[in-house]
Amino acid sequence: MARVVVVGAGMGGMAAAARLAVAGHEVVVHERTGTYGGAVRQYARDGFVFDTGPGLLQLPAVYRDLFVKTGRERLEDVVELVQVPVTARHVFADGSAVTLPDASRGKVIAALDDALGEGAGERWSAMLTRARTAWEATRRPLLEEPLRAEPSSRDLLAADGAYPALRPKGLLRLSRVLRGLGTAAPALAEVARDELRDPRLAAMLCGSVWTQGLDPATSPASAAALAYVEDTFGTWYVRGGLRALADALHARCRARGVAFRFDSPVAGVREKDGRAAGVELADGSAVDAEVVVASGGPAAPGGQGSADRGMSRLTVLLALRGARPAGTPHRTLVHRAEAPGQPLTVLRPDDPALRPDDAHETAVLTLPVPGGLPAEAAQPLAESLLATTDAAGLGLRERVLWREVRSPAAIEAETGAPGGRVPPPGLSGGGGAFLHPANATGLPGLYAAGGWSHPGGGLPAAGMTGAMVAGLVQDPEWRGSV
């Protein structure tokens, strides 16, 4: 069995480490900071606790599989997973609102008809049915199989057409011609406008990709699959916050014999005889290895992909006086008139572990922002976001005890990603521009894991990189999960 060095203790790096250790390899993880989890961290003060990275989980089956394959304890044995009853409450710029039940298509249709008018639910459902076609056509090559260099592997994912957009007719076709689009494949924003025929429904669809750091005006129509996944498989919360998932994965790695070296930055990947031979640490020492797994992102040694891709996040942590009102949804998306398709996300978890007592509440405001947003711009933007919640009737400002504003610089410090950028999910279509670099690199023995490699950003995809790297290390011809 091989000696393996993993660069970075993010979720993808730990997922790879656990699987490789179970396969019998000797695994050591070198992490430049003092802790694990990458962006999956928490901020605590005065009895209030906040997730500073992702606050909700989709496709928990990825982590269920990881824990089944790496030990006897199931995921539910080590963390408490809760399926949220409401996917989200959407508050629109015109004052209307709709609350969507989680993973219940019939109830969603009824809720949309009641809130937005008869027929709204069926238009939304028809769009999701077309998105299902895109999901089924690309799920396996995009999420479960390694991306390969040969054209046949990339062509399927690069080609537009997985999402069967309605053929434009009449005025819709004329509109495309006048906009200079002709027969070009439609972007998601165009699909939302032309197929949903209600700016509020369009805002819901566009918001599903905007919140993940993608621009709906340039994202391919296949991005509608992101809304389909949420609608079909549900949204989940981990009691104690998503950091508990990182804690559980770290503990699983340790139980499988993975060694961690914190505050141990890697300066470079060593090569010998045309393949990876270990790493050089920042202190000048060398660590020999037959396999190196780079999971620290594009700016880290061995990292793949573009350092200027993706967006960052501005996050405002609110410590609130007063009990959490009954019936408050876990997640609210506030659609802003000044930025159509770019909603503000408000998370208000009902979790006693995150508040000092039941006479207080926590809330987290999150907005995608350009990478490298200047620190001096963070406070005024945070103030404007609070004003947005006031206009939406959430009543948060008057209850604020204190707030903590986290700019992209905080994300950069934790993850090392230039400008604090967060990797977006990989998408099919768009000529392959939305795919991430393959897990097998051009240097034998060097593999890429984490959100900056195939299949992309998000907790489920990061977990999948661990399976892909472990499979490729065992068998370079490995073609994916069964």
Protein backbone atom coordinates (compact mmCIF):
# COMPACT_ATOMS: atom_id res chain seq x y z
CA MET A 1 0.00 0.00 0.00
CA ALA A 2 1.09 3.56 -0.67
CA ARG A 3 2.15 6.44 1.52
CA VAL A 4 -0.29 9.28 0.83
CA VAL A 5 -0.01 12.98 1.64
CA VAL A 6 -3.22 15.01 1.52
CA VAL A 7 -2.71 18.77 1.18
CA GLY A 8 -5.56 20.50 3.02
CA ALA A 9 -8.04 19.29 5.65
CA GLY A 10 -11.20 20.56 3.97
CA MET A 11 -14.22 18.31 3.52
CA GLY A 12 -12.98 16.92 0.19
CA GLY A 13 -9.50 16.26 1.54
CA MET A 14 -10.85 14.47 4.61
CA ALA A 15 -13.30 12.45 2.51
CA ALA A 16 -10.39 11.24 0.37
CA ALA A 17 -8.22 10.58 3.41
CA ALA A 18 -10.84 8.42 5.14
CA ARG A 19 -11.49 6.30 2.05
CA LEU A 20 -7.78 5.86 1.28
CA ALA A 21 -7.02 4.87 4.87
CA VAL A 22 -9.74 2.21 4.80
CA ALA A 23 -8.16 0.86 1.60
CA GLY A 24 -4.98 0.25 3.59
CA HIS A 25 -2.90 3.28 2.67
CA GLU A 26 -0.80 5.25 5.14
CA VAL A 27 -2.35 8.73 5.08
CA VAL A 28 -1.16 12.00 6.57
CA VAL A 29 -2.96 15.32 6.09
CA HIS A 30 -1.01 18.60 6.14
CA GLU A 31 -3.20 21.62 6.85
CA ARG A 32 -1.84 25.16 6.75
CA THR A 33 -4.29 26.45 9.41
CA GLY A 34 -4.92 25.24 12.94
CA THR A 35 -8.09 23.27 12.27
CA TYR A 36 -10.00 21.15 9.77
CA GLY A 37 -13.16 21.67 7.72
CA GLY A 38 -12.09 24.32 5.21
CA ALA A 39 -15.00 26.74 4.95
CA VAL A 40 -17.19 24.60 7.24
CA ARG A 41 -16.52 26.51 10.45
CA GLN A 42 -18.32 28.28 13.26
CA TYR A 43 -18.13 31.59 15.10
CA ALA A 44 -19.05 31.67 18.81
CA ARG A 45 -19.54 34.61 21.15
CA ASP A 46 -21.57 35.22 24.32
CA GLY A 47 -23.39 31.91 24.00
CA PHE A 48 -24.35 32.50 20.34
CA VAL A 49 -22.97 30.10 17.72
CA PHE A 50 -23.10 30.59 13.95
CA ASP A 51 -22.18 28.50 10.92
CA THR A 52 -19.88 30.74 8.87
CA GLY A 53 -19.91 28.47 5.82
CA PRO A 54 -22.79 26.40 4.48
CA GLY A 55 -25.80 26.22 6.78
CA LEU A 56 -27.85 23.54 5.03
CA LEU A 57 -27.07 20.20 3.39
CA GLN A 58 -28.43 18.63 0.23
CA LEU A 59 -27.96 15.05 -0.94
CA PRO A 60 -26.92 13.68 2.47
CA ALA A 61 -26.69 10.28 0.77
CA VAL A 62 -23.14 11.25 -0.26
CA TYR A 63 -22.05 11.39 3.37
CA ARG A 64 -24.16 8.39 4.34
CA ASP A 65 -22.22 6.40 1.74
CA LEU A 66 -18.92 7.80 2.99
CA PHE A 67 -19.60 6.72 6.56
CA VAL A 68 -20.91 3.30 5.52
CA LYS A 69 -17.79 2.69 3.43
CA THR A 70 -15.34 3.83 6.15
CA GLY A 71 -16.67 2.28 9.36
CA ARG A 72 -19.44 0.61 11.29
CA GLU A 73 -21.09 3.77 12.56
CA ARG A 74 -23.61 5.26 10.17
CA LEU A 75 -23.80 9.00 9.57
CA GLU A 76 -26.97 9.19 11.70
CA ASP A 77 -25.07 7.51 14.54
CA VAL A 78 -22.67 10.44 14.81
CA VAL A 79 -24.73 13.48 13.78
CA GLU A 80 -28.42 14.33 14.04
CA LEU A 81 -29.81 14.98 10.57
CA VAL A 82 -33.10 16.85 10.34
CA GLN A 83 -35.06 17.34 7.14
CA VAL A 84 -36.41 20.88 7.25
CA PRO A 85 -40.20 21.06 6.74
CA VAL A 86 -39.98 24.17 4.56
CA THR A 87 -37.52 24.43 1.67
CA ALA A 88 -37.67 28.22 1.82
CA ARG A 89 -39.96 31.18 2.17
CA HIS A 90 -39.63 33.54 -0.79
CA VAL A 91 -40.43 37.23 -0.22
CA PHE A 92 -40.71 39.17 -3.47
CA ALA A 93 -40.06 42.81 -4.24
CA ASP A 94 -43.76 43.49 -4.85
CA GLY A 95 -44.65 42.41 -1.31
CA SER A 96 -46.02 38.97 -2.22
CA ALA A 97 -44.55 35.84 -0.65
CA VAL A 98 -44.77 32.07 -0.84
CA THR A 99 -43.68 29.32 1.53
CA LEU A 100 -42.59 26.10 -0.19
CA PRO A 101 -42.98 22.77 1.65
CA ASP A 102 -39.90 20.56 1.49
CA ALA A 103 -39.77 17.67 -1.02
CA SER A 104 -43.51 17.58 -1.79
CA ARG A 105 -44.28 18.50 -5.39
CA GLY A 106 -48.07 18.47 -4.91
CA LYS A 107 -47.93 20.78 -1.90
CA VAL A 108 -45.51 23.08 -3.73
CA ILE A 109 -47.90 23.37 -6.69
CA ALA A 110 -50.77 24.22 -4.35
CA ALA A 111 -48.71 26.78 -2.43
CA LEU A 112 -47.62 28.53 -5.63
CA ASP A 113 -51.17 28.64 -7.01
CA ASP A 114 -52.47 30.10 -3.75
CA ALA A 115 -49.73 32.73 -3.49
CA LEU A 116 -48.98 33.65 -7.10
CA GLY A 117 -52.15 32.77 -8.99
CA GLU A 118 -53.65 29.72 -10.65
CA GLY A 119 -51.30 28.04 -13.10
CA ALA A 120 -48.10 29.18 -11.36
CA GLY A 121 -47.64 25.80 -9.73
CA GLU A 122 -48.05 23.86 -12.96
CA ARG A 123 -45.57 26.08 -14.83
CA TRP A 124 -43.05 25.58 -12.03
CA SER A 125 -43.68 21.83 -11.98
CA ALA A 126 -43.32 21.55 -15.76
CA MET A 127 -39.97 23.34 -15.57
CA LEU A 128 -38.80 20.93 -12.87
CA THR A 129 -39.87 17.99 -15.01
CA ARG A 130 -37.65 19.28 -17.83
CA ALA A 131 -34.88 19.84 -15.29
CA ARG A 132 -35.25 16.22 -14.27
CA THR A 133 -34.31 15.25 -17.83
CA ALA A 134 -31.08 17.23 -17.48
CA TRP A 135 -30.38 15.66 -14.08
CA GLU A 136 -30.91 12.10 -15.32
CA ALA A 137 -28.83 12.67 -18.45
CA THR A 138 -25.83 14.10 -16.63
CA ARG A 139 -26.00 12.89 -13.01
CA ARG A 140 -23.68 9.94 -13.43
CA PRO A 141 -20.94 11.49 -15.62
CA LEU A 142 -21.11 14.77 -13.70
CA LEU A 143 -21.30 13.53 -10.10
CA GLU A 144 -20.34 9.87 -9.96
CA GLU A 145 -17.65 9.32 -12.59
CA PRO A 146 -14.17 10.83 -12.90
CA LEU A 147 -13.72 13.36 -15.67
CA ARG A 148 -11.32 12.02 -18.25
CA ALA A 149 -9.14 13.63 -20.87
CA GLU A 150 -10.59 11.77 -23.83
CA PRO A 151 -13.16 13.75 -25.84
CA SER A 152 -15.95 11.22 -25.26
CA SER A 153 -15.83 11.91 -21.52
CA ARG A 154 -16.10 15.67 -21.88
CA ASP A 155 -18.27 16.01 -24.96
CA LEU A 156 -21.41 14.71 -23.26
CA LEU A 157 -21.04 17.20 -20.42
CA ALA A 158 -19.87 20.10 -22.58
CA ALA A 159 -22.76 19.95 -25.04
CA ASP A 160 -25.88 22.02 -24.51
CA GLY A 161 -29.20 20.31 -24.77
CA ALA A 162 -29.42 18.25 -21.58
CA TYR A 163 -32.19 20.59 -20.47
CA PRO A 164 -34.99 20.31 -23.06
CA ALA A 165 -35.91 23.98 -23.21
CA LEU A 166 -39.20 24.75 -24.88
CA ARG A 167 -38.80 25.60 -28.55
CA PRO A 168 -39.52 29.33 -28.91
CA LYS A 169 -42.47 30.16 -31.10
CA GLY A 170 -44.17 33.31 -32.27
CA LEU A 171 -43.28 36.33 -30.18
CA LEU A 172 -40.82 34.35 -28.07
CA ARG A 173 -38.88 33.36 -31.19
CA LEU A 174 -38.98 36.92 -32.50
CA SER A 175 -37.77 38.15 -29.12
CA ARG A 176 -34.73 35.86 -29.30
CA VAL A 177 -33.92 37.10 -32.80
CA LEU A 178 -34.21 40.74 -31.73
CA ARG A 179 -31.94 40.07 -28.76
CA GLY A 180 -29.36 38.61 -31.15
CA LEU A 181 -29.67 35.10 -29.70
CA GLY A 182 -30.96 33.33 -32.80
CA THR A 183 -30.67 29.59 -32.30
CA ALA A 184 -28.05 29.81 -29.53
CA ALA A 185 -28.66 27.62 -26.50
CA PRO A 186 -30.63 29.60 -23.90
CA ALA A 187 -29.12 30.70 -20.61
CA LEU A 188 -30.95 29.93 -17.39
CA ALA A 189 -32.28 33.49 -17.03
CA GLU A 190 -33.87 33.24 -20.47
CA VAL A 191 -35.45 29.88 -19.67
CA ALA A 192 -36.83 31.36 -16.45
CA ARG A 193 -38.34 34.34 -18.23
CA ASP A 194 -39.78 32.55 -21.26
CA GLU A 195 -40.99 29.33 -19.66
CA LEU A 196 -42.23 30.50 -16.26
CA ARG A 197 -43.87 33.73 -17.49
CA ASP A 198 -43.96 35.32 -14.04
CA PRO A 199 -41.08 37.45 -12.72
CA ARG A 200 -41.54 35.93 -9.27
CA LEU A 201 -41.20 32.37 -10.51
CA ALA A 202 -38.24 33.49 -12.61
CA ALA A 203 -36.68 35.02 -9.51
CA MET A 204 -37.07 31.71 -7.67
CA LEU A 205 -35.31 29.74 -10.41
CA CYS A 206 -32.55 32.30 -10.94
CA GLY A 207 -32.08 32.59 -7.19
CA SER A 208 -31.40 28.85 -6.94
CA VAL A 209 -28.19 29.32 -8.93
CA TRP A 210 -27.27 32.81 -7.72
CA THR A 211 -27.09 31.61 -4.12
CA GLN A 212 -24.47 29.09 -5.25
CA GLY A 213 -22.30 31.75 -6.82
CA LEU A 214 -23.44 31.39 -10.43
CA ASP A 215 -24.81 34.13 -12.68
CA PRO A 216 -28.17 33.03 -14.15
CA ALA A 217 -27.61 35.35 -17.12
CA THR A 218 -24.61 33.31 -18.26
CA SER A 219 -25.25 29.88 -16.73
CA PRO A 220 -26.54 27.18 -19.10
CA ALA A 221 -30.13 26.01 -18.89
CA SER A 222 -28.93 22.78 -17.28
CA ALA A 223 -28.49 24.78 -14.07
CA ALA A 224 -32.23 24.25 -13.57
CA ALA A 225 -31.21 20.83 -12.24
CA LEU A 226 -30.06 22.59 -9.06
CA ALA A 227 -33.68 23.55 -8.35
CA TYR A 228 -34.82 20.03 -9.24
CA VAL A 229 -32.42 18.44 -6.75
CA GLU A 230 -33.65 20.68 -3.95
CA ASP A 231 -37.30 20.06 -4.82
CA THR A 232 -36.92 16.29 -5.16
CA PHE A 233 -34.41 15.23 -2.52
CA GLY A 234 -35.10 17.80 0.15
CA THR A 235 -33.01 20.06 2.34
CA TRP A 236 -31.35 18.95 5.56
CA TYR A 237 -29.91 20.51 8.68
CA VAL A 238 -27.37 19.08 11.13
CA ARG A 239 -28.16 19.72 14.80
CA GLY A 240 -25.45 21.86 16.32
CA GLY A 241 -24.69 23.34 12.91
CA LEU A 242 -22.91 22.04 9.84
CA ARG A 243 -19.62 22.18 11.73
CA ALA A 244 -20.81 18.99 13.46
CA LEU A 245 -20.49 17.22 10.10
CA ALA A 246 -16.87 18.34 9.82
CA ASP A 247 -16.26 17.19 13.40
CA ALA A 248 -17.71 13.76 12.59
CA LEU A 249 -15.64 13.38 9.42
CA HIS A 250 -12.45 14.39 11.24
CA ALA A 251 -13.20 11.85 13.97
CA ARG A 252 -13.81 9.17 11.34
CA CYS A 253 -10.44 9.93 9.73
CA ARG A 254 -8.69 9.66 13.08
CA ALA A 255 -10.46 6.38 13.85
CA ARG A 256 -9.19 4.99 10.55
CA GLY A 257 -5.61 5.95 11.39
CA VAL A 258 -5.27 9.17 9.39
CA ALA A 259 -2.62 11.49 10.88
CA PHE A 260 -3.16 15.27 10.87
CA ARG A 261 -0.45 17.91 10.89
CA PHE A 262 -1.99 21.31 11.57
CA ASP A 263 -0.19 24.66 11.11
CA SER A 264 1.87 22.76 8.54
CA PRO A 265 1.71 24.65 5.23
CA VAL A 266 2.94 22.86 2.12
CA ALA A 267 5.24 24.83 -0.17
CA GLY A 268 5.26 22.53 -3.18
CA VAL A 269 4.81 19.08 -4.66
CA ARG A 270 8.00 17.09 -5.16
CA GLU A 271 8.58 15.18 -8.39
CA LYS A 272 10.88 12.26 -9.16
CA ASP A 273 11.15 10.21 -12.33
CA GLY A 274 8.14 12.00 -13.84
CA ARG A 275 5.66 11.43 -11.00
CA ALA A 276 4.69 12.89 -7.63
CA ALA A 277 7.12 11.89 -4.89
CA GLY A 278 5.83 13.81 -1.87
CA VAL A 279 5.71 17.42 -0.71
CA GLU A 280 8.02 20.10 0.53
CA LEU A 281 6.85 21.93 3.64
CA ALA A 282 7.17 25.67 4.22
CA ASP A 283 9.87 25.04 6.83
CA GLY A 284 12.04 23.45 4.15
CA SER A 285 11.60 19.85 5.23
CA ALA A 286 10.42 17.15 2.84
CA VAL A 287 7.78 14.43 3.20
CA ASP A 288 8.10 11.41 0.94
CA ALA A 289 4.96 9.86 -0.55
CA GLU A 290 3.89 7.76 -3.52
CA VAL A 291 0.59 9.65 -3.81
CA VAL A 292 -0.24 13.32 -3.23
CA VAL A 293 -3.83 14.55 -2.99
CA ALA A 294 -4.13 18.31 -3.48
CA SER A 295 -7.32 19.61 -1.88
CA GLY A 296 -6.32 23.14 -0.94
CA GLY A 297 -7.73 24.90 -4.02
CA PRO A 298 -6.15 26.45 -7.10
CA ALA A 299 -3.70 28.63 -5.18
CA ALA A 300 -2.34 25.76 -3.07
CA PRO A 301 0.54 23.50 -4.13
CA GLY A 302 -0.70 21.00 -6.68
CA GLY A 303 -3.99 22.86 -6.99
CA GLN A 304 -5.89 22.81 -10.25
CA GLY A 305 -8.21 25.26 -11.98
CA SER A 306 -8.51 29.03 -12.15
CA ALA A 307 -7.85 31.17 -9.08
CA ASP A 308 -10.23 33.90 -10.29
CA ARG A 309 -13.26 31.69 -10.85
CA GLY A 310 -16.40 31.89 -8.72
CA MET A 311 -17.72 34.46 -6.28
CA SER A 312 -17.21 35.07 -2.60
CA ARG A 313 -19.73 35.69 0.20
CA LEU A 314 -20.57 38.54 2.52
CA THR A 315 -21.99 37.10 5.73
CA VAL A 316 -23.64 39.01 8.55
CA LEU A 317 -24.04 37.16 11.86
CA LEU A 318 -26.85 38.55 14.02
CA ALA A 319 -27.26 37.95 17.74
CA LEU A 320 -30.93 38.73 18.41
CA ARG A 321 -32.81 39.47 21.62
CA GLY A 322 -36.20 37.86 21.94
CA ALA A 323 -37.42 34.33 21.24
CA ARG A 324 -37.57 32.92 17.74
CA PRO A 325 -41.17 33.52 16.57
CA ALA A 326 -43.24 30.37 16.15
CA GLY A 327 -43.49 29.25 12.54
CA THR A 328 -40.34 31.05 11.42
CA PRO A 329 -38.88 29.18 8.40
CA HIS A 330 -35.30 28.01 8.60
CA ARG A 331 -34.50 29.80 5.35
CA THR A 332 -35.96 32.92 3.78
CA LEU A 333 -34.94 34.27 0.38
CA VAL A 334 -35.59 38.00 0.00
CA HIS A 335 -35.79 38.96 -3.67
CA ARG A 336 -34.55 42.50 -4.15
CA ALA A 337 -36.06 44.94 -6.64
CA GLU A 338 -32.65 46.51 -7.27
CA ALA A 339 -31.07 43.13 -8.14
CA PRO A 340 -33.52 40.75 -9.86
CA GLY A 341 -32.50 37.13 -9.57
CA GLN A 342 -30.01 37.90 -6.79
CA PRO A 343 -31.79 37.22 -3.48
CA LEU A 344 -30.51 37.69 0.04
CA THR A 345 -30.48 34.45 2.05
CA VAL A 346 -31.57 34.60 5.68
CA LEU A 347 -30.98 31.49 7.83
CA ARG A 348 -32.72 31.26 11.23
CA PRO A 349 -32.17 27.73 12.60
CA ASP A 350 -34.35 26.52 15.47
CA ASP A 351 -31.48 24.97 17.39
CA PRO A 352 -30.96 25.46 21.15
CA ALA A 353 -27.28 24.59 20.69
CA LEU A 354 -26.76 27.84 18.76
CA ARG A 355 -28.27 30.31 21.26
CA PRO A 356 -27.62 31.10 24.93
CA ASP A 357 -31.26 30.46 25.88
CA ASP A 358 -34.76 30.49 24.43
CA ALA A 359 -35.03 34.23 24.98
CA HIS A 360 -32.58 34.81 22.14
CA GLU A 361 -32.16 33.84 18.50
CA THR A 362 -29.44 33.69 15.84
CA ALA A 363 -29.73 34.73 12.21
CA VAL A 364 -27.24 34.64 9.34
CA LEU A 365 -27.53 36.89 6.28
CA THR A 366 -25.58 35.76 3.21
CA LEU A 367 -25.06 37.40 -0.18
CA PRO A 368 -22.69 36.33 -2.98
CA VAL A 369 -20.26 39.15 -3.77
CA PRO A 370 -17.28 39.54 -6.09
CA GLY A 371 -14.08 37.94 -4.89
CA GLY A 372 -11.79 40.37 -3.15
CA LEU A 373 -14.56 42.80 -2.15
CA PRO A 374 -12.71 45.57 -0.27
CA ALA A 375 -13.06 45.43 3.51
CA GLU A 376 -14.28 49.03 3.59
CA ALA A 377 -17.26 48.05 1.46
CA ALA A 378 -18.39 45.28 3.81
CA GLN A 379 -19.97 47.37 6.58
CA PRO A 380 -22.08 49.62 4.30
CA LEU A 381 -23.26 46.56 2.37
CA ALA A 382 -24.15 44.80 5.62
CA GLU A 383 -26.22 47.82 6.63
CA SER A 384 -28.06 47.73 3.32
CA LEU A 385 -28.82 44.04 3.82
CA LEU A 386 -30.38 44.80 7.20
CA ALA A 387 -32.50 47.44 5.47
CA THR A 388 -33.55 44.77 2.97
CA THR A 389 -34.76 42.52 5.79
CA ASP A 390 -36.69 45.49 7.25
CA ALA A 391 -38.42 46.09 3.92
CA ALA A 392 -39.31 42.38 3.78
CA GLY A 393 -41.00 42.63 7.18
CA LEU A 394 -38.61 40.29 9.02
CA GLY A 395 -38.17 42.68 11.95
CA LEU A 396 -34.56 41.81 12.70
CA ARG A 397 -32.83 45.18 13.07
CA GLU A 398 -34.72 46.25 16.18
CA ARG A 399 -33.75 43.01 17.91
CA VAL A 400 -30.01 43.11 17.18
CA LEU A 401 -27.79 42.81 20.26
CA TRP A 402 -24.64 42.75 18.16
CA ARG A 403 -23.53 41.76 14.70
CA GLU A 404 -20.39 40.35 13.15
CA VAL A 405 -19.66 41.12 9.50
CA ARG A 406 -17.49 38.63 7.66
CA SER A 407 -15.99 39.85 4.39
CA PRO A 408 -14.30 37.78 1.67
CA ALA A 409 -11.01 38.38 3.48
CA ALA A 410 -12.20 36.12 6.32
CA ILE A 411 -12.96 33.32 3.85
CA GLU A 412 -9.57 33.76 2.21
CA ALA A 413 -7.85 33.48 5.59
CA GLU A 414 -9.67 30.21 6.35
CA THR A 415 -9.55 28.51 2.95
CA GLY A 416 -6.65 30.15 1.15
CA ALA A 417 -8.82 30.79 -1.91
CA PRO A 418 -7.74 34.08 -3.57
CA GLY A 419 -10.27 36.81 -2.88
CA GLY A 420 -12.20 34.45 -0.61
CA ARG A 421 -13.84 32.82 -3.61
CA VAL A 422 -16.15 29.86 -3.06
CA PRO A 423 -16.12 27.11 -5.72
CA PRO A 424 -19.39 26.97 -7.68
CA PRO A 425 -21.02 23.66 -8.55
CA GLY A 426 -20.07 22.05 -11.84
CA LEU A 427 -22.63 22.22 -14.65
CA SER A 428 -23.08 20.48 -17.97
CA GLY A 429 -23.43 22.57 -21.14
CA GLY A 430 -21.84 25.87 -21.98
CA GLY A 431 -19.10 24.21 -24.01
CA GLY A 432 -17.57 22.76 -20.85
CA ALA A 433 -16.84 26.18 -19.32
CA PHE A 434 -18.66 25.20 -16.13
CA LEU A 435 -16.77 21.97 -15.53
CA HIS A 436 -13.96 21.72 -12.99
CA PRO A 437 -10.52 20.14 -13.52
CA ALA A 438 -10.28 16.36 -13.48
CA ASN A 439 -9.26 14.55 -10.30
CA ALA A 440 -6.39 12.80 -12.09
CA THR A 441 -3.88 15.50 -13.01
CA GLY A 442 -1.20 15.62 -15.68
CA LEU A 443 1.39 14.42 -13.15
CA PRO A 444 1.14 10.71 -12.28
CA GLY A 445 0.60 10.21 -8.57
CA LEU A 446 -0.93 13.69 -8.08
CA TYR A 447 -4.71 13.88 -7.64
CA ALA A 448 -7.09 16.76 -6.98
CA ALA A 449 -9.90 16.70 -4.41
CA GLY A 450 -12.24 19.29 -2.91
CA GLY A 451 -14.64 21.80 -4.39
CA TRP A 452 -12.16 23.24 -6.90
CA SER A 453 -11.90 19.91 -8.71
CA HIS A 454 -14.44 17.74 -10.50
CA PRO A 455 -17.39 17.68 -9.85
CA GLY A 456 -17.21 21.13 -8.22
CA GLY A 457 -18.38 23.15 -5.26
CA GLY A 458 -20.89 22.33 -2.56
CA LEU A 459 -20.76 19.82 0.28
CA PRO A 460 -22.14 16.86 -1.72
CA ALA A 461 -19.69 17.38 -4.59
CA ALA A 462 -16.77 17.83 -2.18
CA GLY A 463 -17.66 14.49 -0.62
CA MET A 464 -17.82 12.88 -4.04
CA THR A 465 -14.26 13.97 -4.84
CA GLY A 466 -13.10 11.71 -2.03
CA ALA A 467 -14.74 8.71 -3.66
CA MET A 468 -13.29 9.62 -7.05
CA VAL A 469 -9.74 10.09 -5.81
CA ALA A 470 -9.83 6.89 -3.77
CA GLY A 471 -11.15 4.95 -6.77
CA LEU A 472 -8.48 6.34 -9.10
CA VAL A 473 -5.64 5.66 -6.66
CA GLN A 474 -6.76 2.04 -6.42
CA ASP A 475 -7.29 1.70 -10.16
CA PRO A 476 -6.32 4.40 -12.69
CA GLU A 477 -8.96 2.96 -15.05
CA TRP A 478 -11.73 3.23 -12.44
CA ARG A 479 -14.93 4.41 -14.09
CA GLY A 480 -17.03 5.43 -11.12
CA SER A 481 -19.45 4.06 -8.57
CA VAL A 482 -21.67 1.11 -9.35
